[in-house]
Amino acid sequence: MKLNKKYYRWVVEITLILIVLSAIRFWMQRDIVSGIAPDISADILSGQRFELYQSKDRPVLIHFWASWCPVCKLEESSIENVAQDHPVITIAMQSGDNEELKKYMQEEKLTFKVINDESGQLSQMYKIKGVPVSFVVNKDNEIEFVEVGYTTELGLRMRLWWAGL
């Protein structure tokens, strides 16, 4: 009898935790853009031009982050790994000028493509209030998935795979 009450209590506690986490996630995502992704046409740190609406045959991961964000730092290796075999564009928010951002990328040994959003224009277009935020955009420029906060490499890969079906 005691064992059943113990398991029942665990189930109730886990359920309550999941409800609270879901409510927080919903609140964080409430205003973020959905539907057709706003167009991104900007220079990446290397000087090349990135055009979201260019012809593409695979989903794209758009990842908003900041050099000062500890959660973003935890996620860097996942983004780096995904960028090795999937189209990824990252947007650094409030992370200094281009030279500071290039220095940060070198120090962290990161090679993914970065757009410096110094003015905050891109983050405003996507209605980003905090970082990290990841968007998976399909080949028709529709936002398939939005993830606010830390996301695993496997989670990102699965969402990119699903959006490509």
N, C-alpha and C. Protein backbone atom coordinates (compact mmCIF):
# COMPACT_ATOMS: atom_id res chain seq x y z
N MET A 1 0.82 -1.19 0.00
CA MET A 1 0.00 0.00 0.00
C MET A 1 0.87 1.26 0.00
N LYS A 2 1.94 1.28 0.84
CA LYS A 2 2.83 2.43 0.88
C LYS A 2 3.52 2.64 -0.45
N LEU A 3 3.87 1.56 -1.11
CA LEU A 3 4.55 1.63 -2.39
C LEU A 3 3.66 2.28 -3.45
N ASN A 4 2.40 1.93 -3.47
CA ASN A 4 1.46 2.52 -4.42
C ASN A 4 1.30 4.01 -4.18
N LYS A 5 1.21 4.44 -2.92
CA LYS A 5 1.09 5.86 -2.61
C LYS A 5 2.34 6.61 -3.04
N LYS A 6 3.50 5.98 -2.86
CA LYS A 6 4.76 6.60 -3.25
C LYS A 6 4.79 6.82 -4.76
N TYR A 7 4.44 5.82 -5.55
CA TYR A 7 4.42 5.95 -7.01
C TYR A 7 3.36 6.96 -7.46
N TYR A 8 2.22 6.93 -6.80
CA TYR A 8 1.16 7.88 -7.13
C TYR A 8 1.65 9.31 -6.91
N ARG A 9 2.33 9.54 -5.81
CA ARG A 9 2.87 10.87 -5.51
C ARG A 9 3.89 11.29 -6.58
N TRP A 10 4.76 10.37 -6.99
CA TRP A 10 5.74 10.67 -8.04
C TRP A 10 5.05 11.06 -9.34
N VAL A 11 4.04 10.32 -9.71
CA VAL A 11 3.30 10.61 -10.94
C VAL A 11 2.66 11.99 -10.86
N VAL A 12 2.06 12.31 -9.73
CA VAL A 12 1.44 13.62 -9.54
C VAL A 12 2.49 14.72 -9.61
N GLU A 13 3.61 14.55 -8.94
CA GLU A 13 4.66 15.56 -8.93
C GLU A 13 5.26 15.76 -10.34
N ILE A 14 5.52 14.69 -11.02
CA ILE A 14 6.07 14.78 -12.39
C ILE A 14 5.06 15.45 -13.31
N THR A 15 3.81 15.12 -13.17
CA THR A 15 2.76 15.74 -13.98
C THR A 15 2.70 17.25 -13.72
N LEU A 16 2.76 17.64 -12.47
CA LEU A 16 2.74 19.06 -12.12
C LEU A 16 3.96 19.79 -12.70
N ILE A 17 5.12 19.18 -12.61
CA ILE A 17 6.34 19.77 -13.16
C ILE A 17 6.20 19.95 -14.66
N LEU A 18 5.68 18.95 -15.35
CA LEU A 18 5.49 19.04 -16.80
C LEU A 18 4.49 20.14 -17.17
N ILE A 19 3.44 20.28 -16.38
CA ILE A 19 2.46 21.33 -16.63
C ILE A 19 3.10 22.71 -16.45
N VAL A 20 3.88 22.88 -15.40
CA VAL A 20 4.55 24.17 -15.16
C VAL A 20 5.54 24.47 -16.28
N LEU A 21 6.35 23.48 -16.67
CA LEU A 21 7.31 23.69 -17.76
C LEU A 21 6.60 24.02 -19.08
N SER A 22 5.51 23.35 -19.35
CA SER A 22 4.75 23.64 -20.56
C SER A 22 4.17 25.05 -20.54
N ALA A 23 3.69 25.47 -19.39
CA ALA A 23 3.14 26.83 -19.27
C ALA A 23 4.24 27.88 -19.48
N ILE A 24 5.42 27.64 -18.92
CA ILE A 24 6.54 28.56 -19.11
C ILE A 24 6.93 28.63 -20.58
N ARG A 25 7.01 27.48 -21.21
CA ARG A 25 7.37 27.42 -22.64
C ARG A 25 6.34 28.16 -23.49
N PHE A 26 5.07 27.93 -23.20
CA PHE A 26 4.00 28.61 -23.93
C PHE A 26 4.13 30.12 -23.77
N TRP A 27 4.37 30.58 -22.55
CA TRP A 27 4.50 32.00 -22.26
C TRP A 27 5.69 32.59 -23.03
N MET A 28 6.80 31.88 -23.06
CA MET A 28 8.00 32.38 -23.75
C MET A 28 7.80 32.46 -25.26
N GLN A 29 6.98 31.58 -25.82
CA GLN A 29 6.77 31.53 -27.27
C GLN A 29 5.54 32.29 -27.73
N ARG A 30 4.82 32.92 -26.86
CA ARG A 30 3.51 33.48 -27.18
C ARG A 30 3.52 34.51 -28.30
N ASP A 31 4.55 35.32 -28.42
CA ASP A 31 4.57 36.38 -29.42
C ASP A 31 5.50 36.10 -30.60
N ILE A 32 6.24 35.02 -30.54
CA ILE A 32 7.22 34.73 -31.59
C ILE A 32 6.51 34.51 -32.92
N VAL A 33 7.15 34.98 -33.97
CA VAL A 33 6.59 34.89 -35.30
C VAL A 33 6.31 33.44 -35.69
N SER A 34 5.27 33.24 -36.51
CA SER A 34 4.94 31.91 -37.03
C SER A 34 4.50 32.07 -38.48
N GLY A 35 4.22 30.95 -39.13
CA GLY A 35 3.81 31.01 -40.54
C GLY A 35 5.02 31.16 -41.45
N ILE A 36 4.93 32.06 -42.42
CA ILE A 36 6.05 32.31 -43.34
C ILE A 36 7.14 33.07 -42.59
N ALA A 37 8.36 32.59 -42.68
CA ALA A 37 9.48 33.23 -41.99
C ALA A 37 9.77 34.59 -42.61
N PRO A 38 9.97 35.61 -41.80
CA PRO A 38 10.40 36.90 -42.36
C PRO A 38 11.71 36.72 -43.12
N ASP A 39 11.82 37.41 -44.24
CA ASP A 39 13.00 37.27 -45.08
C ASP A 39 14.23 37.81 -44.36
N ILE A 40 15.32 37.10 -44.53
CA ILE A 40 16.61 37.54 -44.02
C ILE A 40 17.52 37.72 -45.21
N SER A 41 18.02 38.92 -45.37
CA SER A 41 18.97 39.24 -46.42
C SER A 41 20.05 40.09 -45.77
N ALA A 42 21.18 39.47 -45.45
CA ALA A 42 22.21 40.16 -44.69
C ALA A 42 23.57 39.55 -44.96
N ASP A 43 24.62 40.29 -44.62
CA ASP A 43 25.98 39.79 -44.76
C ASP A 43 26.35 38.99 -43.52
N ILE A 44 27.00 37.84 -43.75
CA ILE A 44 27.53 37.07 -42.63
C ILE A 44 28.93 37.61 -42.32
N LEU A 45 29.49 37.20 -41.21
CA LEU A 45 30.78 37.74 -40.78
C LEU A 45 31.88 37.56 -41.83
N SER A 46 31.80 36.52 -42.62
CA SER A 46 32.83 36.28 -43.64
C SER A 46 32.71 37.25 -44.82
N GLY A 47 31.62 38.01 -44.86
CA GLY A 47 31.42 38.96 -45.95
C GLY A 47 30.48 38.46 -47.03
N GLN A 48 30.15 37.18 -47.01
CA GLN A 48 29.22 36.63 -47.99
C GLN A 48 27.81 37.10 -47.67
N ARG A 49 26.95 37.07 -48.67
CA ARG A 49 25.55 37.46 -48.50
C ARG A 49 24.73 36.22 -48.20
N PHE A 50 23.82 36.32 -47.24
CA PHE A 50 22.88 35.25 -46.94
C PHE A 50 21.50 35.74 -47.34
N GLU A 51 20.78 34.91 -48.09
CA GLU A 51 19.41 35.20 -48.53
C GLU A 51 18.54 34.01 -48.14
N LEU A 52 17.65 34.20 -47.19
CA LEU A 52 16.78 33.10 -46.75
C LEU A 52 15.88 32.63 -47.88
N TYR A 53 15.38 33.56 -48.67
CA TYR A 53 14.41 33.20 -49.70
C TYR A 53 15.05 32.70 -50.99
N GLN A 54 16.36 32.48 -50.98
CA GLN A 54 16.98 31.89 -52.17
C GLN A 54 16.48 30.46 -52.34
N SER A 55 16.58 29.95 -53.53
CA SER A 55 16.13 28.59 -53.81
C SER A 55 16.88 27.59 -52.93
N LYS A 56 16.13 26.73 -52.24
CA LYS A 56 16.75 25.73 -51.39
C LYS A 56 15.95 24.43 -51.46
N ASP A 57 16.64 23.34 -51.26
CA ASP A 57 15.97 22.04 -51.33
C ASP A 57 15.92 21.34 -49.97
N ARG A 58 16.41 22.02 -48.94
CA ARG A 58 16.43 21.44 -47.59
C ARG A 58 15.99 22.49 -46.57
N PRO A 59 15.50 22.04 -45.43
CA PRO A 59 15.15 22.98 -44.37
C PRO A 59 16.40 23.71 -43.86
N VAL A 60 16.18 24.89 -43.29
CA VAL A 60 17.26 25.71 -42.74
C VAL A 60 17.00 25.91 -41.25
N LEU A 61 18.06 25.83 -40.47
CA LEU A 61 17.98 26.16 -39.06
C LEU A 61 18.43 27.61 -38.90
N ILE A 62 17.55 28.43 -38.32
CA ILE A 62 17.88 29.82 -37.98
C ILE A 62 17.99 29.85 -36.46
N HIS A 63 19.18 30.19 -35.99
CA HIS A 63 19.44 30.13 -34.55
C HIS A 63 19.85 31.50 -34.02
N PHE A 64 19.04 32.06 -33.12
CA PHE A 64 19.35 33.34 -32.48
C PHE A 64 20.09 33.04 -31.17
N TRP A 65 21.18 33.74 -30.94
CA TRP A 65 22.00 33.52 -29.75
C TRP A 65 22.74 34.80 -29.39
N ALA A 66 23.51 34.75 -28.30
CA ALA A 66 24.33 35.89 -27.90
C ALA A 66 25.61 35.36 -27.25
N SER A 67 26.69 36.07 -27.44
CA SER A 67 27.98 35.64 -26.89
C SER A 67 28.00 35.68 -25.36
N TRP A 68 27.16 36.49 -24.75
CA TRP A 68 27.12 36.65 -23.30
C TRP A 68 26.14 35.68 -22.62
N CYS A 69 25.44 34.88 -23.40
CA CYS A 69 24.38 34.00 -22.89
C CYS A 69 24.95 32.63 -22.47
N PRO A 70 24.85 32.27 -21.17
CA PRO A 70 25.40 30.99 -20.73
C PRO A 70 24.69 29.77 -21.34
N VAL A 71 23.39 29.85 -21.56
CA VAL A 71 22.67 28.73 -22.17
C VAL A 71 23.11 28.57 -23.63
N CYS A 72 23.31 29.69 -24.32
CA CYS A 72 23.79 29.65 -25.71
C CYS A 72 25.16 28.98 -25.78
N LYS A 73 25.99 29.28 -24.81
CA LYS A 73 27.33 28.69 -24.77
C LYS A 73 27.23 27.17 -24.64
N LEU A 74 26.31 26.68 -23.83
CA LEU A 74 26.10 25.24 -23.69
C LEU A 74 25.66 24.60 -25.01
N GLU A 75 24.97 25.36 -25.81
CA GLU A 75 24.38 24.85 -27.05
C GLU A 75 25.31 24.99 -28.26
N GLU A 76 26.41 25.74 -28.11
CA GLU A 76 27.30 26.03 -29.25
C GLU A 76 27.79 24.79 -29.98
N SER A 77 28.20 23.77 -29.24
CA SER A 77 28.74 22.57 -29.90
C SER A 77 27.65 21.86 -30.70
N SER A 78 26.42 21.87 -30.21
CA SER A 78 25.32 21.26 -30.96
C SER A 78 25.08 22.00 -32.27
N ILE A 79 25.07 23.33 -32.21
CA ILE A 79 24.86 24.13 -33.43
C ILE A 79 26.02 23.90 -34.39
N GLU A 80 27.23 23.87 -33.86
CA GLU A 80 28.42 23.63 -34.69
C GLU A 80 28.32 22.28 -35.40
N ASN A 81 27.93 21.25 -34.69
CA ASN A 81 27.81 19.91 -35.28
C ASN A 81 26.71 19.83 -36.32
N VAL A 82 25.57 20.43 -36.03
CA VAL A 82 24.45 20.41 -36.98
C VAL A 82 24.85 21.17 -38.25
N ALA A 83 25.60 22.26 -38.09
CA ALA A 83 26.00 23.07 -39.24
C ALA A 83 26.97 22.34 -40.17
N GLN A 84 27.54 21.25 -39.72
CA GLN A 84 28.46 20.48 -40.57
C GLN A 84 27.73 19.78 -41.71
N ASP A 85 26.45 19.44 -41.49
CA ASP A 85 25.74 18.71 -42.55
C ASP A 85 24.30 19.18 -42.80
N HIS A 86 23.95 20.36 -42.28
CA HIS A 86 22.64 20.95 -42.54
C HIS A 86 22.82 22.44 -42.77
N PRO A 87 21.94 23.07 -43.55
CA PRO A 87 22.01 24.52 -43.70
C PRO A 87 21.65 25.21 -42.37
N VAL A 88 22.57 26.00 -41.86
CA VAL A 88 22.39 26.70 -40.59
C VAL A 88 22.84 28.13 -40.76
N ILE A 89 22.03 29.05 -40.28
CA ILE A 89 22.45 30.45 -40.18
C ILE A 89 22.18 30.86 -38.73
N THR A 90 23.17 31.48 -38.12
CA THR A 90 22.97 31.94 -36.75
C THR A 90 22.97 33.46 -36.73
N ILE A 91 22.26 34.00 -35.77
CA ILE A 91 22.13 35.45 -35.65
C ILE A 91 22.51 35.83 -34.23
N ALA A 92 23.63 36.55 -34.12
CA ALA A 92 24.14 36.95 -32.82
C ALA A 92 23.51 38.28 -32.42
N MET A 93 22.83 38.27 -31.29
CA MET A 93 22.15 39.47 -30.79
C MET A 93 23.01 40.15 -29.73
N GLN A 94 23.12 41.45 -29.83
CA GLN A 94 23.79 42.25 -28.81
C GLN A 94 25.11 41.63 -28.35
N SER A 95 25.94 41.26 -29.32
CA SER A 95 27.19 40.58 -29.02
C SER A 95 28.41 41.38 -29.45
N GLY A 96 28.25 42.69 -29.57
CA GLY A 96 29.37 43.55 -29.95
C GLY A 96 29.43 43.78 -31.44
N ASP A 97 30.50 44.44 -31.86
CA ASP A 97 30.68 44.71 -33.29
C ASP A 97 31.26 43.48 -34.00
N ASN A 98 31.45 43.59 -35.31
CA ASN A 98 31.92 42.44 -36.09
C ASN A 98 33.26 41.92 -35.61
N GLU A 99 34.19 42.83 -35.27
CA GLU A 99 35.52 42.40 -34.82
C GLU A 99 35.43 41.64 -33.50
N GLU A 100 34.61 42.12 -32.57
CA GLU A 100 34.43 41.42 -31.29
C GLU A 100 33.82 40.04 -31.51
N LEU A 101 32.87 39.97 -32.41
CA LEU A 101 32.21 38.70 -32.70
C LEU A 101 33.16 37.72 -33.39
N LYS A 102 33.96 38.22 -34.32
CA LYS A 102 34.96 37.36 -34.98
C LYS A 102 35.95 36.81 -33.96
N LYS A 103 36.39 37.67 -33.04
CA LYS A 103 37.33 37.24 -31.99
C LYS A 103 36.68 36.14 -31.13
N TYR A 104 35.41 36.34 -30.76
CA TYR A 104 34.68 35.35 -29.96
C TYR A 104 34.61 34.01 -30.71
N MET A 105 34.28 34.07 -31.98
CA MET A 105 34.17 32.85 -32.79
C MET A 105 35.52 32.11 -32.85
N GLN A 106 36.61 32.85 -33.01
CA GLN A 106 37.94 32.24 -33.05
C GLN A 106 38.30 31.61 -31.70
N GLU A 107 38.05 32.34 -30.63
CA GLU A 107 38.36 31.83 -29.28
C GLU A 107 37.59 30.56 -28.97
N GLU A 108 36.35 30.49 -29.41
CA GLU A 108 35.50 29.33 -29.15
C GLU A 108 35.63 28.24 -30.22
N LYS A 109 36.45 28.52 -31.25
CA LYS A 109 36.66 27.57 -32.36
C LYS A 109 35.34 27.21 -33.06
N LEU A 110 34.55 28.23 -33.33
CA LEU A 110 33.25 28.04 -33.98
C LEU A 110 33.35 28.46 -35.45
N THR A 111 32.74 27.67 -36.31
CA THR A 111 32.81 27.94 -37.74
C THR A 111 31.45 28.15 -38.40
N PHE A 112 30.36 28.04 -37.64
CA PHE A 112 29.05 28.20 -38.27
C PHE A 112 28.88 29.64 -38.76
N LYS A 113 27.97 29.82 -39.71
CA LYS A 113 27.72 31.13 -40.30
C LYS A 113 26.99 32.03 -39.30
N VAL A 114 27.47 33.29 -39.20
CA VAL A 114 26.89 34.22 -38.23
C VAL A 114 26.57 35.55 -38.89
N ILE A 115 25.37 36.02 -38.61
CA ILE A 115 24.98 37.39 -38.95
C ILE A 115 25.00 38.16 -37.64
N ASN A 116 25.67 39.30 -37.63
CA ASN A 116 25.71 40.13 -36.44
C ASN A 116 24.50 41.06 -36.46
N ASP A 117 23.61 40.87 -35.50
CA ASP A 117 22.39 41.69 -35.40
C ASP A 117 22.61 42.79 -34.36
N GLU A 118 23.59 43.64 -34.62
CA GLU A 118 23.93 44.72 -33.68
C GLU A 118 22.75 45.63 -33.39
N SER A 119 21.99 45.96 -34.43
CA SER A 119 20.87 46.90 -34.27
C SER A 119 19.63 46.23 -33.68
N GLY A 120 19.56 44.92 -33.72
CA GLY A 120 18.39 44.21 -33.22
C GLY A 120 17.25 44.12 -34.23
N GLN A 121 17.50 44.53 -35.46
CA GLN A 121 16.45 44.54 -36.48
C GLN A 121 15.92 43.14 -36.77
N LEU A 122 16.81 42.17 -36.94
CA LEU A 122 16.36 40.80 -37.24
C LEU A 122 15.62 40.19 -36.05
N SER A 123 16.13 40.40 -34.86
CA SER A 123 15.45 39.84 -33.70
C SER A 123 14.08 40.48 -33.50
N GLN A 124 13.93 41.74 -33.87
CA GLN A 124 12.61 42.38 -33.80
C GLN A 124 11.67 41.79 -34.85
N MET A 125 12.19 41.52 -36.06
CA MET A 125 11.35 40.92 -37.10
C MET A 125 10.80 39.57 -36.66
N TYR A 126 11.62 38.81 -35.93
CA TYR A 126 11.22 37.48 -35.49
C TYR A 126 10.57 37.51 -34.09
N LYS A 127 10.48 38.71 -33.51
CA LYS A 127 9.86 38.93 -32.21
C LYS A 127 10.54 38.14 -31.09
N ILE A 128 11.87 38.15 -31.13
CA ILE A 128 12.68 37.46 -30.13
C ILE A 128 12.81 38.34 -28.89
N LYS A 129 12.53 37.76 -27.73
CA LYS A 129 12.64 38.49 -26.47
C LYS A 129 13.81 37.98 -25.63
N GLY A 130 14.29 36.80 -25.89
CA GLY A 130 15.41 36.22 -25.16
C GLY A 130 16.07 35.16 -26.01
N VAL A 131 17.23 34.74 -25.63
CA VAL A 131 17.97 33.74 -26.39
C VAL A 131 18.33 32.57 -25.48
N PRO A 132 18.59 31.42 -26.06
CA PRO A 132 18.58 31.07 -27.48
C PRO A 132 17.17 30.74 -27.99
N VAL A 133 17.00 30.97 -29.29
CA VAL A 133 15.77 30.59 -29.97
C VAL A 133 16.16 29.99 -31.32
N SER A 134 15.58 28.85 -31.65
CA SER A 134 15.86 28.18 -32.92
C SER A 134 14.58 28.02 -33.72
N PHE A 135 14.69 28.33 -35.02
CA PHE A 135 13.58 28.16 -35.96
C PHE A 135 14.02 27.14 -37.01
N VAL A 136 13.15 26.20 -37.32
CA VAL A 136 13.39 25.31 -38.47
C VAL A 136 12.42 25.77 -39.55
N VAL A 137 13.00 26.21 -40.68
CA VAL A 137 12.23 26.75 -41.80
C VAL A 137 12.32 25.77 -42.95
N ASN A 138 11.17 25.35 -43.48
CA ASN A 138 11.17 24.38 -44.57
C ASN A 138 11.54 25.04 -45.90
N LYS A 139 11.58 24.23 -46.96
CA LYS A 139 12.01 24.74 -48.27
C LYS A 139 11.03 25.76 -48.86
N ASP A 140 9.80 25.81 -48.33
CA ASP A 140 8.81 26.79 -48.78
C ASP A 140 8.80 28.04 -47.90
N ASN A 141 9.83 28.18 -47.05
CA ASN A 141 10.00 29.32 -46.14
C ASN A 141 8.95 29.40 -45.03
N GLU A 142 8.34 28.28 -44.71
CA GLU A 142 7.38 28.21 -43.61
C GLU A 142 8.10 27.76 -42.34
N ILE A 143 7.79 28.38 -41.24
CA ILE A 143 8.37 27.98 -39.96
C ILE A 143 7.68 26.70 -39.50
N GLU A 144 8.45 25.64 -39.42
CA GLU A 144 7.91 24.33 -39.00
C GLU A 144 7.99 24.16 -37.48
N PHE A 145 9.12 24.59 -36.90
CA PHE A 145 9.34 24.41 -35.46
C PHE A 145 10.00 25.65 -34.88
N VAL A 146 9.66 25.94 -33.63
CA VAL A 146 10.31 27.00 -32.87
C VAL A 146 10.68 26.40 -31.52
N GLU A 147 11.93 26.59 -31.15
CA GLU A 147 12.40 26.11 -29.85
C GLU A 147 13.00 27.28 -29.09
N VAL A 148 12.49 27.55 -27.90
CA VAL A 148 13.01 28.61 -27.04
C VAL A 148 13.79 27.93 -25.92
N GLY A 149 15.01 28.39 -25.70
CA GLY A 149 15.83 27.79 -24.66
C GLY A 149 16.71 26.69 -25.23
N TYR A 150 17.35 25.98 -24.35
CA TYR A 150 18.29 24.92 -24.75
C TYR A 150 17.59 23.82 -25.52
N THR A 151 18.22 23.41 -26.60
CA THR A 151 17.72 22.29 -27.41
C THR A 151 18.90 21.38 -27.73
N THR A 152 18.69 20.10 -27.67
CA THR A 152 19.77 19.15 -27.92
C THR A 152 20.08 19.05 -29.42
N GLU A 153 21.25 18.57 -29.71
CA GLU A 153 21.64 18.33 -31.11
C GLU A 153 20.68 17.34 -31.76
N LEU A 154 20.37 16.27 -31.06
CA LEU A 154 19.44 15.27 -31.61
C LEU A 154 18.07 15.90 -31.88
N GLY A 155 17.60 16.74 -30.96
CA GLY A 155 16.32 17.41 -31.15
C GLY A 155 16.32 18.29 -32.40
N LEU A 156 17.41 19.03 -32.60
CA LEU A 156 17.51 19.88 -33.79
C LEU A 156 17.55 19.04 -35.06
N ARG A 157 18.35 17.98 -35.03
CA ARG A 157 18.46 17.10 -36.21
C ARG A 157 17.12 16.46 -36.56
N MET A 158 16.38 16.02 -35.54
CA MET A 158 15.08 15.39 -35.78
C MET A 158 14.09 16.40 -36.38
N ARG A 159 14.11 17.62 -35.89
CA ARG A 159 13.21 18.65 -36.42
C ARG A 159 13.56 19.00 -37.86
N LEU A 160 14.86 19.09 -38.15
CA LEU A 160 15.28 19.36 -39.54
C LEU A 160 14.87 18.20 -40.44
N TRP A 161 15.04 16.99 -39.98
CA TRP A 161 14.64 15.81 -40.77
C TRP A 161 13.13 15.84 -41.02
N TRP A 162 12.35 16.07 -39.98
CA TRP A 162 10.90 16.08 -40.10
C TRP A 162 10.44 17.17 -41.06
N ALA A 163 11.06 18.36 -40.98
CA ALA A 163 10.67 19.47 -41.85
C ALA A 163 11.03 19.20 -43.31
N GLY A 164 11.96 18.28 -43.53
CA GLY A 164 12.36 17.94 -44.89
C GLY A 164 11.50 16.87 -45.55
N LEU A 165 10.58 16.29 -44.79
CA LEU A 165 9.73 15.22 -45.37
C LEU A 165 8.70 15.79 -46.32
